[in-house]
Structure formats: structure tokens, C-alpha cells
Amino acid sequence: MAVSLSFRPCYYSTFKLPIRRISSTKSARRRMAAKMSSNSTSSTTNTDERKLPILLFDIMDTIVRDPFYHDVPAFFGMSFKELIECKHPTPWIEFEEGLINETELARKFFKDGRPLDLEGLKNCMRRGYSYLEGVEELLHALKQNGYEMHAFTNYPIWYEMIEDKLKLSNYLSWTFCSCKNGKRKPDPAFYLEVLKHLNVDPARCIFVDDRMRNVVAAIDAGIVGLQFKNADLLRHDLCLLGIDISSNQDNKNQDPEEEQ
């Protein structure tokens, strides 16, 4: 089950729970949601009607399939284990932080300095990008309901290839990318930079990531954290947190007698 800190998206007092107390059981999450809802008053600010909470999404293996684990090793004719053994450990991280460009990545990618088919690798990555099952529909419902959403991701300038193919900007803004901000999760400074930019209380943000260490870092910053497992579990957890993910089609299909 997705790991979560639960709250209602209305009035939020800053809170923080030790990670050992984070429970994935339905009953625990409902209890926490009920506790937070007792403090709720409004889901918007008084000044600019900004709808809260703000949703922050990791991208790779949370919204978009990451080709690195299967497609890229196959491109090089290796197993994933062999690729990790041959690959230099730092260039990709430097590329994600915007410290080197793709030409330098190609030059430094392998420990032994062997040449890298950069365009072939980029085409391989591009072919491998796709929405994870059920995620685009969830993003669409959240967008319909007026939630502010941002990417919060460790990824190089190749995020532009993802955008070109999948048009994530239909749903969220590519606001917080490591290649633009020069920081990577789980660096606490990256989370603080996000909160400063958004100018919002951390407890009024929900962060979703498939990697637990990144979720823990969000919790340490006072942000509500959800570990992504799949779209159905995320939808369920968001509902428990009071997030409206009903779609226009859901409303059309509603029994008129239920509205009375």
C-alpha cells in the first residue's frame, strides 16, 4: 500500500510524524484523515483563492515509465547489472544537476571511455517514455478540479523529450527539475527551495514519489508524503486525504436522486 501522511486539504497546522509511525493500513489512514479534518475550515486562501493543497509529483516511475532499467541495458546489449558495472557512477548525476551537457555525458558515461551512441541512446529513451497505467486519467481529474500541480524531479534536460512526447504540461508545470535548480532529491535544500518558491506552508503540500527516501525527506521538511505504488492506490490515498478526484464524467453518471 502507498505510505502516507494524511490530512484534509483545508486548514492545515504544520505537523510531522516519525517515519515509524507512518502506516499503510486503511484504518490508520482514515483515523489520521479524520484527525486532520477536525481542523479544516477552507480549501483556498483568503487572498487569491489559491486552491490547496498543492500537489508535487516525482516524474520517473511515478508518472512516466523510466526506460533506464530495461530499455537502456538492452540498447547496449547488456544486463542491467552489467550496465551498472560498466557505467561511470557520477556523470549521470552531474547531468541531472545541470553541471555537464549531453556531449560531456557521452564522453564520460563509461568507465573505460568507450564511445557512446548519444543519438541512439536518446531515441531509445524517447521510445521508452510512456504514462504509467492509470496516471494520466488521475492527473486529468485533478486538473479538472483545479489543483495546482508541479513536477519535482531528478532529471536532466531530457525532460524536454518527455514533454515533447507526452505533453505533461497539459496537467502540471515543470517547475522543479534538478537540471534547472542544481539540486537533487533527497537534498533538504531542494525541498526548502520548493517551499520558498511556492510561498506556502509545507503542510499544505502533498509530495508523491516512488522512492521512499525522497518521501522521508519531504516529511522531514513538513510536507505530506505519499509513496507511489500504482495509480489505483494513489487515487485511494488521495481520496482518504480529502482530495477531490471526481471527473465531469463521474458527475454526469451520478444518480440524480443522490444529488437531492
C-alpha atoms as a PDB file:
ATOM      1  CA  MET A   1       0.000   0.000   0.000  1.00  0.00           C
ATOM      2  CA  ALA A   2       1.124   3.566  -0.518  1.00  0.00           C
ATOM      3  CA  VAL A   3       2.747   5.080   2.522  1.00  0.00           C
ATOM      4  CA  SER A   4       1.105   8.285   3.579  1.00  0.00           C
ATOM      5  CA  LEU A   5       0.698  11.112   5.984  1.00  0.00           C
ATOM      6  CA  SER A   6      -2.944  12.068   5.903  1.00  0.00           C
ATOM      7  CA  PHE A   7      -4.747  15.387   6.115  1.00  0.00           C
ATOM      8  CA  ARG A   8      -7.725  17.238   4.755  1.00  0.00           C
ATOM      9  CA  PRO A   9      -6.989  19.879   2.101  1.00  0.00           C
ATOM     10  CA  CYS A  10      -8.450  22.765   4.046  1.00  0.00           C
ATOM     11  CA  TYR A  11      -6.872  24.308   7.122  1.00  0.00           C
ATOM     12  CA  TYR A  12      -3.523  22.763   7.956  1.00  0.00           C
ATOM     13  CA  SER A  13      -1.442  23.134  11.049  1.00  0.00           C
ATOM     14  CA  THR A  14       2.181  22.183  10.483  1.00  0.00           C
ATOM     15  CA  PHE A  15       2.795  18.648  11.634  1.00  0.00           C
ATOM     16  CA  LYS A  16       5.447  15.995  11.452  1.00  0.00           C
ATOM     17  CA  LEU A  17       5.335  12.335  12.347  1.00  0.00           C
ATOM     18  CA  PRO A  18       8.274   9.971  12.843  1.00  0.00           C
ATOM     19  CA  ILE A  19       8.586   7.658   9.885  1.00  0.00           C
ATOM     20  CA  ARG A  20       7.954   4.582  12.027  1.00  0.00           C
ATOM     21  CA  ARG A  21       4.502   5.872  12.744  1.00  0.00           C
ATOM     22  CA  ILE A  22       3.563   6.133   9.092  1.00  0.00           C
ATOM     23  CA  SER A  23       1.105   3.339   8.473  1.00  0.00           C
ATOM     24  CA  SER A  24      -0.204   1.913   5.236  1.00  0.00           C
ATOM     25  CA  THR A  25      -3.312   0.366   6.810  1.00  0.00           C
ATOM     26  CA  LYS A  26      -6.699   1.705   5.799  1.00  0.00           C
ATOM     27  CA  SER A  27      -7.842   2.192   9.366  1.00  0.00           C
ATOM     28  CA  ALA A  28      -4.736   4.171  10.328  1.00  0.00           C
ATOM     29  CA  ARG A  29      -5.026   6.461   7.345  1.00  0.00           C
ATOM     30  CA  ARG A  30      -8.721   7.051   7.983  1.00  0.00           C
ATOM     31  CA  ARG A  31      -8.021   7.907  11.620  1.00  0.00           C
ATOM     32  CA  MET A  32      -5.348  10.385  10.596  1.00  0.00           C
ATOM     33  CA  ALA A  33      -7.583  11.939   7.925  1.00  0.00           C
ATOM     34  CA  ALA A  34     -10.381  12.316  10.477  1.00  0.00           C
ATOM     35  CA  LYS A  35      -7.995  13.933  12.931  1.00  0.00           C
ATOM     36  CA  MET A  36      -6.796  16.442  10.371  1.00  0.00           C
ATOM     37  CA  SER A  37     -10.317  17.191   9.134  1.00  0.00           C
ATOM     38  CA  SER A  38     -11.283  18.385  12.604  1.00  0.00           C
ATOM     39  CA  ASN A  39      -9.087  21.435  11.945  1.00  0.00           C
ATOM     40  CA  SER A  40     -10.370  22.138   8.448  1.00  0.00           C
ATOM     41  CA  THR A  41     -12.032  25.427   7.547  1.00  0.00           C
ATOM     42  CA  SER A  42     -11.342  26.257   3.892  1.00  0.00           C
ATOM     43  CA  SER A  43      -9.525  24.809   0.876  1.00  0.00           C
ATOM     44  CA  THR A  44      -8.495  28.191  -0.503  1.00  0.00           C
ATOM     45  CA  THR A  45      -6.517  31.139   0.729  1.00  0.00           C
ATOM     46  CA  ASN A  46      -8.295  34.344   1.640  1.00  0.00           C
ATOM     47  CA  THR A  47      -6.192  36.495  -0.676  1.00  0.00           C
ATOM     48  CA  ASP A  48      -6.009  34.888  -4.085  1.00  0.00           C
ATOM     49  CA  GLU A  49      -8.380  31.914  -3.904  1.00  0.00           C
ATOM     50  CA  ARG A  50      -5.436  29.578  -4.466  1.00  0.00           C
ATOM     51  CA  LYS A  51      -6.725  26.036  -4.185  1.00  0.00           C
ATOM     52  CA  LEU A  52      -4.888  23.935  -1.649  1.00  0.00           C
ATOM     53  CA  PRO A  53      -3.177  21.589  -1.204  1.00  0.00           C
ATOM     54  CA  ILE A  54      -0.520  21.943  -3.880  1.00  0.00           C
ATOM     55  CA  LEU A  55       0.487  18.625  -5.426  1.00  0.00           C
ATOM     56  CA  LEU A  56       4.147  17.862  -6.150  1.00  0.00           C
ATOM     57  CA  PHE A  57       4.955  14.875  -8.328  1.00  0.00           C
ATOM     58  CA  ASP A  58       8.123  12.978  -8.985  1.00  0.00           C
ATOM     59  CA  ILE A  59       8.149  12.035 -12.667  1.00  0.00           C
ATOM     60  CA  MET A  60      10.117   8.879 -13.399  1.00  0.00           C
ATOM     61  CA  ASP A  61       8.339   5.687 -12.307  1.00  0.00           C
ATOM     62  CA  THR A  62       5.677   7.851 -10.642  1.00  0.00           C
ATOM     63  CA  ILE A  63       4.060   9.414 -13.702  1.00  0.00           C
ATOM     64  CA  VAL A  64       6.280   8.216 -16.558  1.00  0.00           C
ATOM     65  CA  ARG A  65       7.864   4.829 -17.171  1.00  0.00           C
ATOM     66  CA  ASP A  66      11.659   5.022 -16.768  1.00  0.00           C
ATOM     67  CA  PRO A  67      13.423   3.310 -19.706  1.00  0.00           C
ATOM     68  CA  PHE A  68      16.731   3.131 -17.838  1.00  0.00           C
ATOM     69  CA  TYR A  69      16.153  -0.210 -16.142  1.00  0.00           C
ATOM     70  CA  HIS A  70      15.150  -2.316 -19.150  1.00  0.00           C
ATOM     71  CA  ASP A  71      15.359  -0.441 -22.448  1.00  0.00           C
ATOM     72  CA  VAL A  72      18.784   1.121 -21.940  1.00  0.00           C
ATOM     73  CA  PRO A  73      20.592  -2.089 -20.931  1.00  0.00           C
ATOM     74  CA  ALA A  74      19.030  -3.777 -23.973  1.00  0.00           C
ATOM     75  CA  PHE A  75      20.213  -0.894 -26.170  1.00  0.00           C
ATOM     76  CA  PHE A  76      23.786  -1.565 -25.030  1.00  0.00           C
ATOM     77  CA  GLY A  77      23.347  -5.355 -25.288  1.00  0.00           C
ATOM     78  CA  MET A  78      23.872  -5.786 -21.557  1.00  0.00           C
ATOM     79  CA  SER A  79      22.014  -6.822 -18.457  1.00  0.00           C
ATOM     80  CA  PHE A  80      21.183  -4.077 -16.005  1.00  0.00           C
ATOM     81  CA  LYS A  81      23.850  -5.416 -13.653  1.00  0.00           C
ATOM     82  CA  GLU A  82      26.470  -5.314 -16.407  1.00  0.00           C
ATOM     83  CA  LEU A  83      25.498  -1.751 -17.302  1.00  0.00           C
ATOM     84  CA  ILE A  84      25.901  -0.573 -13.723  1.00  0.00           C
ATOM     85  CA  GLU A  85      29.321  -2.225 -13.548  1.00  0.00           C
ATOM     86  CA  CYS A  86      30.482  -0.531 -16.775  1.00  0.00           C
ATOM     87  CA  LYS A  87      28.899   2.881 -16.242  1.00  0.00           C
ATOM     88  CA  HIS A  88      30.831   5.633 -14.502  1.00  0.00           C
ATOM     89  CA  PRO A  89      28.927   6.480 -11.284  1.00  0.00           C
ATOM     90  CA  THR A  90      28.961  10.284 -11.467  1.00  0.00           C
ATOM     91  CA  PRO A  91      28.254  11.653 -14.999  1.00  0.00           C
ATOM     92  CA  TRP A  92      24.516  10.954 -14.965  1.00  0.00           C
ATOM     93  CA  ILE A  93      24.170  12.669 -11.575  1.00  0.00           C
ATOM     94  CA  GLU A  94      26.137  15.642 -12.926  1.00  0.00           C
ATOM     95  CA  PHE A  95      23.886  15.665 -15.991  1.00  0.00           C
ATOM     96  CA  GLU A  96      20.798  15.668 -13.766  1.00  0.00           C
ATOM     97  CA  GLU A  97      22.185  18.616 -11.807  1.00  0.00           C
ATOM     98  CA  GLY A  98      22.886  20.566 -14.982  1.00  0.00           C
ATOM     99  CA  LEU A  99      26.633  20.553 -14.337  1.00  0.00           C
ATOM    100  CA  ILE A 100      27.509  18.894 -17.669  1.00  0.00           C
ATOM    101  CA  ASN A 101      25.815  18.803 -21.062  1.00  0.00           C
ATOM    102  CA  GLU A 102      24.867  15.719 -23.059  1.00  0.00           C
ATOM    103  CA  THR A 103      28.107  15.764 -25.058  1.00  0.00           C
ATOM    104  CA  GLU A 104      30.113  15.562 -21.855  1.00  0.00           C
ATOM    105  CA  LEU A 105      27.780  12.837 -20.620  1.00  0.00           C
ATOM    106  CA  ALA A 106      28.545  10.759 -23.704  1.00  0.00           C
ATOM    107  CA  ARG A 107      32.284  11.262 -23.244  1.00  0.00           C
ATOM    108  CA  LYS A 108      32.261  10.279 -19.576  1.00  0.00           C
ATOM    109  CA  PHE A 109      29.421   7.730 -19.499  1.00  0.00           C
ATOM    110  CA  PHE A 110      31.517   4.546 -19.454  1.00  0.00           C
ATOM    111  CA  LYS A 111      34.380   3.959 -17.044  1.00  0.00           C
ATOM    112  CA  ASP A 112      36.682   2.728 -19.817  1.00  0.00           C
ATOM    113  CA  GLY A 113      35.967   5.683 -22.100  1.00  0.00           C
ATOM    114  CA  ARG A 114      34.360   3.641 -24.866  1.00  0.00           C
ATOM    115  CA  PRO A 115      32.297   5.705 -27.335  1.00  0.00           C
ATOM    116  CA  LEU A 116      28.587   6.152 -26.755  1.00  0.00           C
ATOM    117  CA  ASP A 117      25.963   6.479 -29.486  1.00  0.00           C
ATOM    118  CA  LEU A 118      24.300   9.558 -27.991  1.00  0.00           C
ATOM    119  CA  GLU A 119      21.527   9.941 -30.560  1.00  0.00           C
ATOM    120  CA  GLY A 120      20.796   6.217 -30.401  1.00  0.00           C
ATOM    121  CA  LEU A 121      20.530   6.403 -26.617  1.00  0.00           C
ATOM    122  CA  LYS A 122      18.230   9.417 -26.795  1.00  0.00           C
ATOM    123  CA  ASN A 123      15.989   7.647 -29.308  1.00  0.00           C
ATOM    124  CA  CYS A 124      15.896   4.611 -27.045  1.00  0.00           C
ATOM    125  CA  MET A 125      14.853   6.750 -24.098  1.00  0.00           C
ATOM    126  CA  ARG A 126      12.271   8.603 -26.153  1.00  0.00           C
ATOM    127  CA  ARG A 127      10.658   5.368 -27.326  1.00  0.00           C
ATOM    128  CA  GLY A 128      10.510   4.092 -23.762  1.00  0.00           C
ATOM    129  CA  TYR A 129       8.685   7.062 -22.256  1.00  0.00           C
ATOM    130  CA  SER A 130       5.015   6.389 -21.587  1.00  0.00           C
ATOM    131  CA  TYR A 131       2.466   7.202 -18.940  1.00  0.00           C
ATOM    132  CA  LEU A 132       2.186   4.608 -16.211  1.00  0.00           C
ATOM    133  CA  GLU A 133      -1.159   2.844 -16.253  1.00  0.00           C
ATOM    134  CA  GLY A 134      -3.988   4.981 -14.905  1.00  0.00           C
ATOM    135  CA  VAL A 135      -1.831   8.003 -14.093  1.00  0.00           C
ATOM    136  CA  GLU A 136      -2.847  10.286 -16.948  1.00  0.00           C
ATOM    137  CA  GLU A 137      -6.521   9.806 -16.089  1.00  0.00           C
ATOM    138  CA  LEU A 138      -5.779  10.713 -12.475  1.00  0.00           C
ATOM    139  CA  LEU A 139      -3.867  13.837 -13.498  1.00  0.00           C
ATOM    140  CA  HIS A 140      -6.719  14.832 -15.771  1.00  0.00           C
ATOM    141  CA  ALA A 141      -9.236  14.533 -12.916  1.00  0.00           C
ATOM    142  CA  LEU A 142      -7.022  16.574 -10.597  1.00  0.00           C
ATOM    143  CA  LYS A 143      -6.597  19.220 -13.278  1.00  0.00           C
ATOM    144  CA  GLN A 144     -10.347  19.367 -13.849  1.00  0.00           C
ATOM    145  CA  ASN A 145     -10.828  20.008 -10.147  1.00  0.00           C
ATOM    146  CA  GLY A 146      -8.460  22.957 -10.159  1.00  0.00           C
ATOM    147  CA  TYR A 147      -5.470  21.616  -8.221  1.00  0.00           C
ATOM    148  CA  GLU A 148      -2.096  23.280  -8.692  1.00  0.00           C
ATOM    149  CA  MET A 149       0.447  20.641  -9.715  1.00  0.00           C
ATOM    150  CA  HIS A 150       4.212  20.772 -10.210  1.00  0.00           C
ATOM    151  CA  ALA A 151       6.922  18.358 -11.268  1.00  0.00           C
ATOM    152  CA  PHE A 152       9.507  17.843  -8.519  1.00  0.00           C
ATOM    153  CA  THR A 153      12.004  15.544 -10.146  1.00  0.00           C
ATOM    154  CA  ASN A 154      15.612  14.491 -10.530  1.00  0.00           C
ATOM    155  CA  TYR A 155      16.105  14.599 -14.287  1.00  0.00           C
ATOM    156  CA  PRO A 156      18.371  16.193 -16.895  1.00  0.00           C
ATOM    157  CA  ILE A 157      17.434  18.473 -19.772  1.00  0.00           C
ATOM    158  CA  TRP A 158      15.985  15.386 -21.450  1.00  0.00           C
ATOM    159  CA  TYR A 159      12.780  16.129 -19.555  1.00  0.00           C
ATOM    160  CA  GLU A 160      12.066  18.137 -22.703  1.00  0.00           C
ATOM    161  CA  MET A 161      11.889  14.851 -24.646  1.00  0.00           C
ATOM    162  CA  ILE A 162       9.273  13.619 -22.187  1.00  0.00           C
ATOM    163  CA  GLU A 163       7.296  16.817 -22.625  1.00  0.00           C
ATOM    164  CA  ASP A 164       7.519  16.636 -26.423  1.00  0.00           C
ATOM    165  CA  LYS A 165       6.117  13.098 -26.411  1.00  0.00           C
ATOM    166  CA  LEU A 166       3.638  13.038 -23.523  1.00  0.00           C
ATOM    167  CA  LYS A 167       2.682  16.720 -23.043  1.00  0.00           C
ATOM    168  CA  LEU A 168       2.759  16.598 -19.245  1.00  0.00           C
ATOM    169  CA  SER A 169       2.361  20.374 -19.243  1.00  0.00           C
ATOM    170  CA  ASN A 170      -1.312  19.782 -20.010  1.00  0.00           C
ATOM    171  CA  TYR A 171      -1.566  18.817 -16.348  1.00  0.00           C
ATOM    172  CA  LEU A 172       1.389  20.221 -14.411  1.00  0.00           C
ATOM    173  CA  SER A 173       4.260  22.680 -14.577  1.00  0.00           C
ATOM    174  CA  TRP A 174       7.872  21.575 -14.979  1.00  0.00           C
ATOM    175  CA  THR A 175       8.782  23.873 -12.107  1.00  0.00           C
ATOM    176  CA  PHE A 176      11.261  21.891 -10.036  1.00  0.00           C
ATOM    177  CA  CYS A 177      13.724  19.890 -12.131  1.00  0.00           C
ATOM    178  CA  SER A 178      17.173  19.101 -10.803  1.00  0.00           C
ATOM    179  CA  CYS A 179      18.814  20.234 -14.050  1.00  0.00           C
ATOM    180  CA  LYS A 180      17.313  23.722 -13.615  1.00  0.00           C
ATOM    181  CA  ASN A 181      17.619  24.016  -9.835  1.00  0.00           C
ATOM    182  CA  GLY A 182      21.071  22.441  -9.486  1.00  0.00           C
ATOM    183  CA  LYS A 183      19.920  20.210  -6.632  1.00  0.00           C
ATOM    184  CA  ARG A 184      18.682  16.633  -6.370  1.00  0.00           C
ATOM    185  CA  LYS A 185      16.291  14.906  -4.019  1.00  0.00           C
ATOM    186  CA  PRO A 186      16.671  13.986  -1.204  1.00  0.00           C
ATOM    187  CA  ASP A 187      18.843  17.065  -0.557  1.00  0.00           C
ATOM    188  CA  PRO A 188      16.910  19.017   2.130  1.00  0.00           C
ATOM    189  CA  ALA A 189      17.918  22.276   0.442  1.00  0.00           C
ATOM    190  CA  PHE A 190      15.926  21.275  -2.652  1.00  0.00           C
ATOM    191  CA  TYR A 191      12.743  20.857  -0.592  1.00  0.00           C
ATOM    192  CA  LEU A 192      13.281  24.194   1.126  1.00  0.00           C
ATOM    193  CA  GLU A 193      13.785  25.866  -2.248  1.00  0.00           C
ATOM    194  CA  VAL A 194      10.499  24.391  -3.452  1.00  0.00           C
ATOM    195  CA  LEU A 195       8.628  25.694  -0.407  1.00  0.00           C
ATOM    196  CA  LYS A 196      10.202  29.126  -0.734  1.00  0.00           C
ATOM    197  CA  HIS A 197       9.212  29.332  -4.391  1.00  0.00           C
ATOM    198  CA  LEU A 198       5.634  28.223  -3.702  1.00  0.00           C
ATOM    199  CA  ASN A 199       5.367  30.548  -0.685  1.00  0.00           C
ATOM    200  CA  VAL A 200       3.133  28.081   1.124  1.00  0.00           C
ATOM    201  CA  ASP A 201       3.095  26.287   4.439  1.00  0.00           C
ATOM    202  CA  PRO A 202       4.715  22.848   3.884  1.00  0.00           C
ATOM    203  CA  ALA A 203       1.725  21.064   5.408  1.00  0.00           C
ATOM    204  CA  ARG A 204      -0.339  22.452   2.528  1.00  0.00           C
ATOM    205  CA  CYS A 205       1.668  20.414   0.008  1.00  0.00           C
ATOM    206  CA  ILE A 206       1.413  16.749  -0.933  1.00  0.00           C
ATOM    207  CA  PHE A 207       4.502  15.124  -2.424  1.00  0.00           C
ATOM    208  CA  VAL A 208       4.287  11.838  -4.373  1.00  0.00           C
ATOM    209  CA  ASP A 209       7.383   9.783  -5.203  1.00  0.00           C
ATOM    210  CA  ASP A 210       8.105   6.105  -5.785  1.00  0.00           C
ATOM    211  CA  ARG A 211      11.324   6.272  -3.729  1.00  0.00           C
ATOM    212  CA  MET A 212      10.820   6.157  -0.001  1.00  0.00           C
ATOM    213  CA  ARG A 213      13.975   8.102   0.830  1.00  0.00           C
ATOM    214  CA  ASN A 214      12.596  11.058  -1.110  1.00  0.00           C
ATOM    215  CA  VAL A 215       9.263  10.763   0.689  1.00  0.00           C
ATOM    216  CA  VAL A 216      11.048  10.700   4.052  1.00  0.00           C
ATOM    217  CA  ALA A 217      12.957  13.856   3.133  1.00  0.00           C
ATOM    218  CA  ALA A 218       9.656  15.549   2.273  1.00  0.00           C
ATOM    219  CA  ILE A 219       8.194  14.524   5.624  1.00  0.00           C
ATOM    220  CA  ASP A 220      11.263  15.886   7.376  1.00  0.00           C
ATOM    221  CA  ALA A 221      10.563  19.216   5.652  1.00  0.00           C
ATOM    222  CA  GLY A 222       6.984  19.179   6.963  1.00  0.00           C
ATOM    223  CA  ILE A 223       5.437  18.185   3.632  1.00  0.00           C
ATOM    224  CA  VAL A 224       2.792  15.475   3.435  1.00  0.00           C
ATOM    225  CA  GLY A 225       4.365  12.456   1.762  1.00  0.00           C
ATOM    226  CA  LEU A 226       2.897   9.605  -0.281  1.00  0.00           C
ATOM    227  CA  GLN A 227       4.945   6.740  -1.673  1.00  0.00           C
ATOM    228  CA  PHE A 228       3.731   5.816  -5.139  1.00  0.00           C
ATOM    229  CA  LYS A 229       2.967   2.168  -5.829  1.00  0.00           C
ATOM    230  CA  ASN A 230       0.382   2.377  -8.590  1.00  0.00           C
ATOM    231  CA  ALA A 231      -2.329   4.732  -9.802  1.00  0.00           C
ATOM    232  CA  ASP A 232      -5.188   2.922  -8.067  1.00  0.00           C
ATOM    233  CA  LEU A 233      -3.511   3.069  -4.658  1.00  0.00           C
ATOM    234  CA  LEU A 234      -2.561   6.702  -5.174  1.00  0.00           C
ATOM    235  CA  ARG A 235      -6.141   7.554  -6.116  1.00  0.00           C
ATOM    236  CA  HIS A 236      -7.335   5.760  -2.993  1.00  0.00           C
ATOM    237  CA  ASP A 237      -4.865   7.559  -0.735  1.00  0.00           C
ATOM    238  CA  LEU A 238      -5.696  10.955  -2.223  1.00  0.00           C
ATOM    239  CA  CYS A 239      -9.377  10.292  -1.584  1.00  0.00           C
ATOM    240  CA  LEU A 240      -8.597   9.481   2.045  1.00  0.00           C
ATOM    241  CA  LEU A 241      -6.777  12.807   2.257  1.00  0.00           C
ATOM    242  CA  GLY A 242      -9.890  14.598   1.052  1.00  0.00           C
ATOM    243  CA  ILE A 243      -8.648  15.349  -2.454  1.00  0.00           C
ATOM    244  CA  ASP A 244     -11.462  15.700  -4.977  1.00  0.00           C
ATOM    245  CA  ILE A 245     -10.645  13.487  -7.944  1.00  0.00           C
ATOM    246  CA  SER A 246     -14.144  13.151  -9.364  1.00  0.00           C
ATOM    247  CA  SER A 247     -14.331  13.842 -13.075  1.00  0.00           C
ATOM    248  CA  ASN A 248     -17.005  15.532 -15.132  1.00  0.00           C
ATOM    249  CA  GLN A 249     -17.960  12.100 -16.442  1.00  0.00           C
ATOM    250  CA  ASP A 250     -18.379  10.844 -12.872  1.00  0.00           C
ATOM    251  CA  ASN A 251     -20.738  13.732 -12.175  1.00  0.00           C
ATOM    252  CA  LYS A 252     -22.715  13.030 -15.352  1.00  0.00           C
ATOM    253  CA  ASN A 253     -23.142   9.413 -14.312  1.00  0.00           C
ATOM    254  CA  GLN A 254     -24.318  10.295 -10.814  1.00  0.00           C
ATOM    255  CA  ASP A 255     -27.887   9.284  -9.955  1.00  0.00           C
ATOM    256  CA  PRO A 256     -29.974  12.499  -9.830  1.00  0.00           C
ATOM    257  CA  GLU A 257     -31.693  11.230  -6.681  1.00  0.00           C
ATOM    258  CA  GLU A 258     -28.299  11.108  -4.941  1.00  0.00           C
ATOM    259  CA  GLU A 259     -27.884  14.859  -5.529  1.00  0.00           C
ATOM    260  CA  GLN A 260     -31.120  15.673  -3.715  1.00  0.00           C
END
